[in-house]
Amino acid sequence: MKDSDIKIYDSYLKMYSEIMSGQGKIRTIQEIKECLDVFEKLEDYDKCSDLLNVIRIETNNRNVNK
């Protein structure tokens, strides 16, 4: 992994941790998708799977609350 990729990975790893723990700033679906795109590009498919599950849950929750 290039140094620039490592910096990007570290930045999004923090966001990923906040999303998965439910702590910190509340993220929008778009922000979660952006995080997903970065991990997909960097081929960290376990995190992609986790983020897809979060997107599904958030989308279902928003549809139920309408």
PDB file of N, CA and C in Angstrom:
ATOM      1  N   MET A   1       0.851  -1.174   0.000  1.00  0.00           N
ATOM      2  CA  MET A   1       0.000   0.000   0.000  1.00  0.00           C
ATOM      3  C   MET A   1       0.898   1.239   0.000  1.00  0.00           C
ATOM      4  N   LYS A   2       0.543   2.211  -0.822  1.00  0.00           N
ATOM      5  CA  LYS A   2       1.304   3.459  -0.898  1.00  0.00           C
ATOM      6  C   LYS A   2       1.075   4.285   0.372  1.00  0.00           C
ATOM      7  N   ASP A   3       2.021   5.196   0.627  1.00  0.00           N
ATOM      8  CA  ASP A   3       1.888   6.068   1.798  1.00  0.00           C
ATOM      9  C   ASP A   3       0.598   6.877   1.748  1.00  0.00           C
ATOM     10  N   SER A   4       0.239   7.359   0.569  1.00  0.00           N
ATOM     11  CA  SER A   4      -0.996   8.141   0.440  1.00  0.00           C
ATOM     12  C   SER A   4      -2.216   7.272   0.747  1.00  0.00           C
ATOM     13  N   ASP A   5      -2.176   6.003   0.333  1.00  0.00           N
ATOM     14  CA  ASP A   5      -3.279   5.084   0.626  1.00  0.00           C
ATOM     15  C   ASP A   5      -3.374   4.787   2.120  1.00  0.00           C
ATOM     16  N   ILE A   6      -2.232   4.706   2.772  1.00  0.00           N
ATOM     17  CA  ILE A   6      -2.218   4.447   4.218  1.00  0.00           C
ATOM     18  C   ILE A   6      -2.869   5.602   4.964  1.00  0.00           C
ATOM     19  N   LYS A   7      -2.581   6.832   4.555  1.00  0.00           N
ATOM     20  CA  LYS A   7      -3.196   8.000   5.208  1.00  0.00           C
ATOM     21  C   LYS A   7      -4.708   8.003   4.998  1.00  0.00           C
ATOM     22  N   ILE A   8      -5.128   7.697   3.785  1.00  0.00           N
ATOM     23  CA  ILE A   8      -6.563   7.636   3.492  1.00  0.00           C
ATOM     24  C   ILE A   8      -7.206   6.532   4.314  1.00  0.00           C
ATOM     25  N   TYR A   9      -6.561   5.369   4.341  1.00  0.00           N
ATOM     26  CA  TYR A   9      -7.082   4.224   5.092  1.00  0.00           C
ATOM     27  C   TYR A   9      -7.248   4.586   6.567  1.00  0.00           C
ATOM     28  N   ASP A  10      -6.221   5.199   7.151  1.00  0.00           N
ATOM     29  CA  ASP A  10      -6.284   5.581   8.565  1.00  0.00           C
ATOM     30  C   ASP A  10      -7.416   6.557   8.844  1.00  0.00           C
ATOM     31  N   SER A  11      -7.599   7.501   7.953  1.00  0.00           N
ATOM     32  CA  SER A  11      -8.661   8.485   8.115  1.00  0.00           C
ATOM     33  C   SER A  11     -10.038   7.816   8.089  1.00  0.00           C
ATOM     34  N   TYR A  12     -10.245   6.935   7.126  1.00  0.00           N
ATOM     35  CA  TYR A  12     -11.533   6.269   7.005  1.00  0.00           C
ATOM     36  C   TYR A  12     -11.711   5.158   8.031  1.00  0.00           C
ATOM     37  N   LEU A  13     -10.617   4.639   8.540  1.00  0.00           N
ATOM     38  CA  LEU A  13     -10.717   3.643   9.605  1.00  0.00           C
ATOM     39  C   LEU A  13     -11.327   4.270  10.853  1.00  0.00           C
ATOM     40  N   LYS A  14     -10.970   5.515  11.119  1.00  0.00           N
ATOM     41  CA  LYS A  14     -11.577   6.228  12.251  1.00  0.00           C
ATOM     42  C   LYS A  14     -13.077   6.400  12.025  1.00  0.00           C
ATOM     43  N   MET A  15     -13.455   6.795  10.813  1.00  0.00           N
ATOM     44  CA  MET A  15     -14.872   6.948  10.493  1.00  0.00           C
ATOM     45  C   MET A  15     -15.589   5.608  10.617  1.00  0.00           C
ATOM     46  N   TYR A  16     -14.972   4.562  10.103  1.00  0.00           N
ATOM     47  CA  TYR A  16     -15.540   3.212  10.178  1.00  0.00           C
ATOM     48  C   TYR A  16     -15.783   2.825  11.644  1.00  0.00           C
ATOM     49  N   SER A  17     -14.806   3.077  12.488  1.00  0.00           N
ATOM     50  CA  SER A  17     -14.931   2.731  13.908  1.00  0.00           C
ATOM     51  C   SER A  17     -16.089   3.472  14.561  1.00  0.00           C
ATOM     52  N   GLU A  18     -16.244   4.746  14.230  1.00  0.00           N
ATOM     53  CA  GLU A  18     -17.348   5.530  14.774  1.00  0.00           C
ATOM     54  C   GLU A  18     -18.691   5.002  14.286  1.00  0.00           C
ATOM     55  N   ILE A  19     -18.749   4.654  13.016  1.00  0.00           N
ATOM     56  CA  ILE A  19     -19.999   4.128  12.448  1.00  0.00           C
ATOM     57  C   ILE A  19     -20.373   2.821  13.133  1.00  0.00           C
ATOM     58  N   MET A  20     -19.408   1.930  13.263  1.00  0.00           N
ATOM     59  CA  MET A  20     -19.688   0.608  13.814  1.00  0.00           C
ATOM     60  C   MET A  20     -19.989   0.652  15.308  1.00  0.00           C
ATOM     61  N   SER A  21     -19.408   1.599  16.011  1.00  0.00           N
ATOM     62  CA  SER A  21     -19.651   1.682  17.455  1.00  0.00           C
ATOM     63  C   SER A  21     -20.904   2.485  17.769  1.00  0.00           C
ATOM     64  N   GLY A  22     -21.368   3.258  16.783  1.00  0.00           N
ATOM     65  CA  GLY A  22     -22.531   4.100  17.024  1.00  0.00           C
ATOM     66  C   GLY A  22     -22.198   5.333  17.836  1.00  0.00           C
ATOM     67  N   GLN A  23     -20.927   5.584  18.029  1.00  0.00           N
ATOM     68  CA  GLN A  23     -20.497   6.743  18.808  1.00  0.00           C
ATOM     69  C   GLN A  23     -20.032   7.850  17.874  1.00  0.00           C
ATOM     70  N   GLY A  24     -19.821   9.002  18.444  1.00  0.00           N
ATOM     71  CA  GLY A  24     -19.332  10.118  17.648  1.00  0.00           C
ATOM     72  C   GLY A  24     -20.437  10.747  16.828  1.00  0.00           C
ATOM     73  N   LYS A  25     -20.031  11.451  15.809  1.00  0.00           N
ATOM     74  CA  LYS A  25     -20.949  12.160  14.921  1.00  0.00           C
ATOM     75  C   LYS A  25     -21.860  11.176  14.201  1.00  0.00           C
ATOM     76  N   ILE A  26     -23.137  11.517  14.109  1.00  0.00           N
ATOM     77  CA  ILE A  26     -24.080  10.692  13.358  1.00  0.00           C
ATOM     78  C   ILE A  26     -23.777  10.873  11.877  1.00  0.00           C
ATOM     79  N   ARG A  27     -23.600   9.763  11.190  1.00  0.00           N
ATOM     80  CA  ARG A  27     -23.220   9.795   9.780  1.00  0.00           C
ATOM     81  C   ARG A  27     -24.444   9.650   8.883  1.00  0.00           C
ATOM     82  N   THR A  28     -24.381  10.310   7.755  1.00  0.00           N
ATOM     83  CA  THR A  28     -25.446  10.158   6.761  1.00  0.00           C
ATOM     84  C   THR A  28     -25.176   8.902   5.943  1.00  0.00           C
ATOM     85  N   ILE A  29     -26.193   8.446   5.240  1.00  0.00           N
ATOM     86  CA  ILE A  29     -26.025   7.295   4.349  1.00  0.00           C
ATOM     87  C   ILE A  29     -24.941   7.611   3.318  1.00  0.00           C
ATOM     88  N   GLN A  30     -24.923   8.844   2.824  1.00  0.00           N
ATOM     89  CA  GLN A  30     -23.928   9.231   1.818  1.00  0.00           C
ATOM     90  C   GLN A  30     -22.508   9.120   2.379  1.00  0.00           C
ATOM     91  N   GLU A  31     -22.297   9.534   3.619  1.00  0.00           N
ATOM     92  CA  GLU A  31     -20.972   9.421   4.235  1.00  0.00           C
ATOM     93  C   GLU A  31     -20.573   7.957   4.414  1.00  0.00           C
ATOM     94  N   ILE A  32     -21.526   7.133   4.780  1.00  0.00           N
ATOM     95  CA  ILE A  32     -21.251   5.707   4.943  1.00  0.00           C
ATOM     96  C   ILE A  32     -20.891   5.096   3.590  1.00  0.00           C
ATOM     97  N   LYS A  33     -21.596   5.502   2.528  1.00  0.00           N
ATOM     98  CA  LYS A  33     -21.286   5.005   1.187  1.00  0.00           C
ATOM     99  C   LYS A  33     -19.895   5.451   0.738  1.00  0.00           C
ATOM    100  N   GLU A  34     -19.530   6.660   1.089  1.00  0.00           N
ATOM    101  CA  GLU A  34     -18.191   7.160   0.761  1.00  0.00           C
ATOM    102  C   GLU A  34     -17.125   6.306   1.447  1.00  0.00           C
ATOM    103  N   CYS A  35     -17.354   6.005   2.708  1.00  0.00           N
ATOM    104  CA  CYS A  35     -16.455   5.142   3.465  1.00  0.00           C
ATOM    105  C   CYS A  35     -16.385   3.764   2.811  1.00  0.00           C
ATOM    106  N   LEU A  36     -17.519   3.238   2.420  1.00  0.00           N
ATOM    107  CA  LEU A  36     -17.594   1.947   1.740  1.00  0.00           C
ATOM    108  C   LEU A  36     -16.769   1.963   0.454  1.00  0.00           C
ATOM    109  N   ASP A  37     -16.891   3.028  -0.322  1.00  0.00           N
ATOM    110  CA  ASP A  37     -16.151   3.143  -1.579  1.00  0.00           C
ATOM    111  C   ASP A  37     -14.643   3.105  -1.350  1.00  0.00           C
ATOM    112  N   VAL A  38     -14.184   3.768  -0.306  1.00  0.00           N
ATOM    113  CA  VAL A  38     -12.749   3.786  -0.002  1.00  0.00           C
ATOM    114  C   VAL A  38     -12.264   2.392   0.368  1.00  0.00           C
ATOM    115  N   PHE A  39     -12.995   1.700   1.223  1.00  0.00           N
ATOM    116  CA  PHE A  39     -12.564   0.354   1.620  1.00  0.00           C
ATOM    117  C   PHE A  39     -12.654  -0.627   0.457  1.00  0.00           C
ATOM    118  N   GLU A  40     -13.612  -0.407  -0.438  1.00  0.00           N
ATOM    119  CA  GLU A  40     -13.693  -1.258  -1.615  1.00  0.00           C
ATOM    120  C   GLU A  40     -12.468  -1.044  -2.508  1.00  0.00           C
ATOM    121  N   LYS A  41     -12.103   0.219  -2.700  1.00  0.00           N
ATOM    122  CA  LYS A  41     -10.924   0.544  -3.508  1.00  0.00           C
ATOM    123  C   LYS A  41      -9.662  -0.079  -2.908  1.00  0.00           C
ATOM    124  N   LEU A  42      -9.588  -0.073  -1.579  1.00  0.00           N
ATOM    125  CA  LEU A  42      -8.407  -0.606  -0.891  1.00  0.00           C
ATOM    126  C   LEU A  42      -8.541  -2.104  -0.598  1.00  0.00           C
ATOM    127  N   GLU A  43      -9.610  -2.700  -1.088  1.00  0.00           N
ATOM    128  CA  GLU A  43      -9.849  -4.140  -1.016  1.00  0.00           C
ATOM    129  C   GLU A  43      -9.934  -4.690   0.410  1.00  0.00           C
ATOM    130  N   ASP A  44     -10.574  -3.934   1.284  1.00  0.00           N
ATOM    131  CA  ASP A  44     -10.842  -4.405   2.642  1.00  0.00           C
ATOM    132  C   ASP A  44     -12.319  -4.811   2.677  1.00  0.00           C
ATOM    133  N   TYR A  45     -12.588  -5.992   2.161  1.00  0.00           N
ATOM    134  CA  TYR A  45     -13.960  -6.423   1.922  1.00  0.00           C
ATOM    135  C   TYR A  45     -14.733  -6.766   3.197  1.00  0.00           C
ATOM    136  N   ASP A  46     -14.047  -7.091   4.270  1.00  0.00           N
ATOM    137  CA  ASP A  46     -14.749  -7.325   5.539  1.00  0.00           C
ATOM    138  C   ASP A  46     -15.423  -6.041   6.012  1.00  0.00           C
ATOM    139  N   LYS A  47     -14.711  -4.932   5.910  1.00  0.00           N
ATOM    140  CA  LYS A  47     -15.293  -3.653   6.322  1.00  0.00           C
ATOM    141  C   LYS A  47     -16.414  -3.249   5.365  1.00  0.00           C
ATOM    142  N   CYS A  48     -16.252  -3.573   4.085  1.00  0.00           N
ATOM    143  CA  CYS A  48     -17.310  -3.293   3.107  1.00  0.00           C
ATOM    144  C   CYS A  48     -18.602  -4.016   3.492  1.00  0.00           C
ATOM    145  N   SER A  49     -18.462  -5.259   3.864  1.00  0.00           N
ATOM    146  CA  SER A  49     -19.632  -6.046   4.260  1.00  0.00           C
ATOM    147  C   SER A  49     -20.310  -5.432   5.484  1.00  0.00           C
ATOM    148  N   ASP A  50     -19.513  -5.035   6.457  1.00  0.00           N
ATOM    149  CA  ASP A  50     -20.067  -4.399   7.663  1.00  0.00           C
ATOM    150  C   ASP A  50     -20.812  -3.119   7.308  1.00  0.00           C
ATOM    151  N   LEU A  51     -20.219  -2.307   6.450  1.00  0.00           N
ATOM    152  CA  LEU A  51     -20.831  -1.035   6.082  1.00  0.00           C
ATOM    153  C   LEU A  51     -22.099  -1.238   5.255  1.00  0.00           C
ATOM    154  N   LEU A  52     -22.111  -2.243   4.400  1.00  0.00           N
ATOM    155  CA  LEU A  52     -23.331  -2.550   3.651  1.00  0.00           C
ATOM    156  C   LEU A  52     -24.464  -2.922   4.597  1.00  0.00           C
ATOM    157  N   ASN A  53     -24.160  -3.673   5.622  1.00  0.00           N
ATOM    158  CA  ASN A  53     -25.178  -4.030   6.616  1.00  0.00           C
ATOM    159  C   ASN A  53     -25.703  -2.796   7.337  1.00  0.00           C
ATOM    160  N   VAL A  54     -24.818  -1.873   7.671  1.00  0.00           N
ATOM    161  CA  VAL A  54     -25.241  -0.634   8.337  1.00  0.00           C
ATOM    162  C   VAL A  54     -26.150   0.161   7.404  1.00  0.00           C
ATOM    163  N   ILE A  55     -25.789   0.244   6.128  1.00  0.00           N
ATOM    164  CA  ILE A  55     -26.616   0.978   5.161  1.00  0.00           C
ATOM    165  C   ILE A  55     -27.995   0.338   5.058  1.00  0.00           C
ATOM    166  N   ARG A  56     -28.047  -0.977   4.988  1.00  0.00           N
ATOM    167  CA  ARG A  56     -29.344  -1.668   4.921  1.00  0.00           C
ATOM    168  C   ARG A  56     -30.194  -1.366   6.154  1.00  0.00           C
ATOM    169  N   ILE A  57     -29.589  -1.463   7.316  1.00  0.00           N
ATOM    170  CA  ILE A  57     -30.316  -1.208   8.568  1.00  0.00           C
ATOM    171  C   ILE A  57     -30.810   0.230   8.619  1.00  0.00           C
ATOM    172  N   GLU A  58     -29.942   1.185   8.289  1.00  0.00           N
ATOM    173  CA  GLU A  58     -30.325   2.601   8.326  1.00  0.00           C
ATOM    174  C   GLU A  58     -31.428   2.903   7.311  1.00  0.00           C
ATOM    175  N   THR A  59     -31.321   2.328   6.136  1.00  0.00           N
ATOM    176  CA  THR A  59     -32.345   2.540   5.114  1.00  0.00           C
ATOM    177  C   THR A  59     -33.682   1.973   5.563  1.00  0.00           C
ATOM    178  N   ASN A  60     -33.663   0.763   6.126  1.00  0.00           N
ATOM    179  CA  ASN A  60     -34.904   0.162   6.633  1.00  0.00           C
ATOM    180  C   ASN A  60     -35.483   0.991   7.764  1.00  0.00           C
ATOM    181  N   ASN A  61     -34.654   1.459   8.681  1.00  0.00           N
ATOM    182  CA  ASN A  61     -35.127   2.268   9.805  1.00  0.00           C
ATOM    183  C   ASN A  61     -35.769   3.562   9.316  1.00  0.00           C
ATOM    184  N   ARG A  62     -35.173   4.182   8.329  1.00  0.00           N
ATOM    185  CA  ARG A  62     -35.720   5.445   7.806  1.00  0.00           C
ATOM    186  C   ARG A  62     -37.022   5.215   7.068  1.00  0.00           C
ATOM    187  N   ASN A  63     -37.142   4.084   6.380  1.00  0.00           N
ATOM    188  CA  ASN A  63     -38.385   3.770   5.669  1.00  0.00           C
ATOM    189  C   ASN A  63     -39.518   3.452   6.639  1.00  0.00           C
ATOM    190  N   VAL A  64     -39.203   2.811   7.752  1.00  0.00           N
ATOM    191  CA  VAL A  64     -40.205   2.472   8.755  1.00  0.00           C
ATOM    192  C   VAL A  64     -40.694   3.721   9.471  1.00  0.00           C
ATOM    193  N   ASN A  65     -39.803   4.674   9.698  1.00  0.00           N
ATOM    194  CA  ASN A  65     -40.142   5.875  10.447  1.00  0.00           C
ATOM    195  C   ASN A  65     -40.833   6.939   9.608  1.00  0.00           C
ATOM    196  N   LYS A  66     -41.062   6.687   8.341  1.00  0.00           N
ATOM    197  CA  LYS A  66     -41.734   7.681   7.480  1.00  0.00           C
ATOM    198  C   LYS A  66     -43.211   7.695   7.712  1.00  0.00           C
TER     199      LYS A  66
END
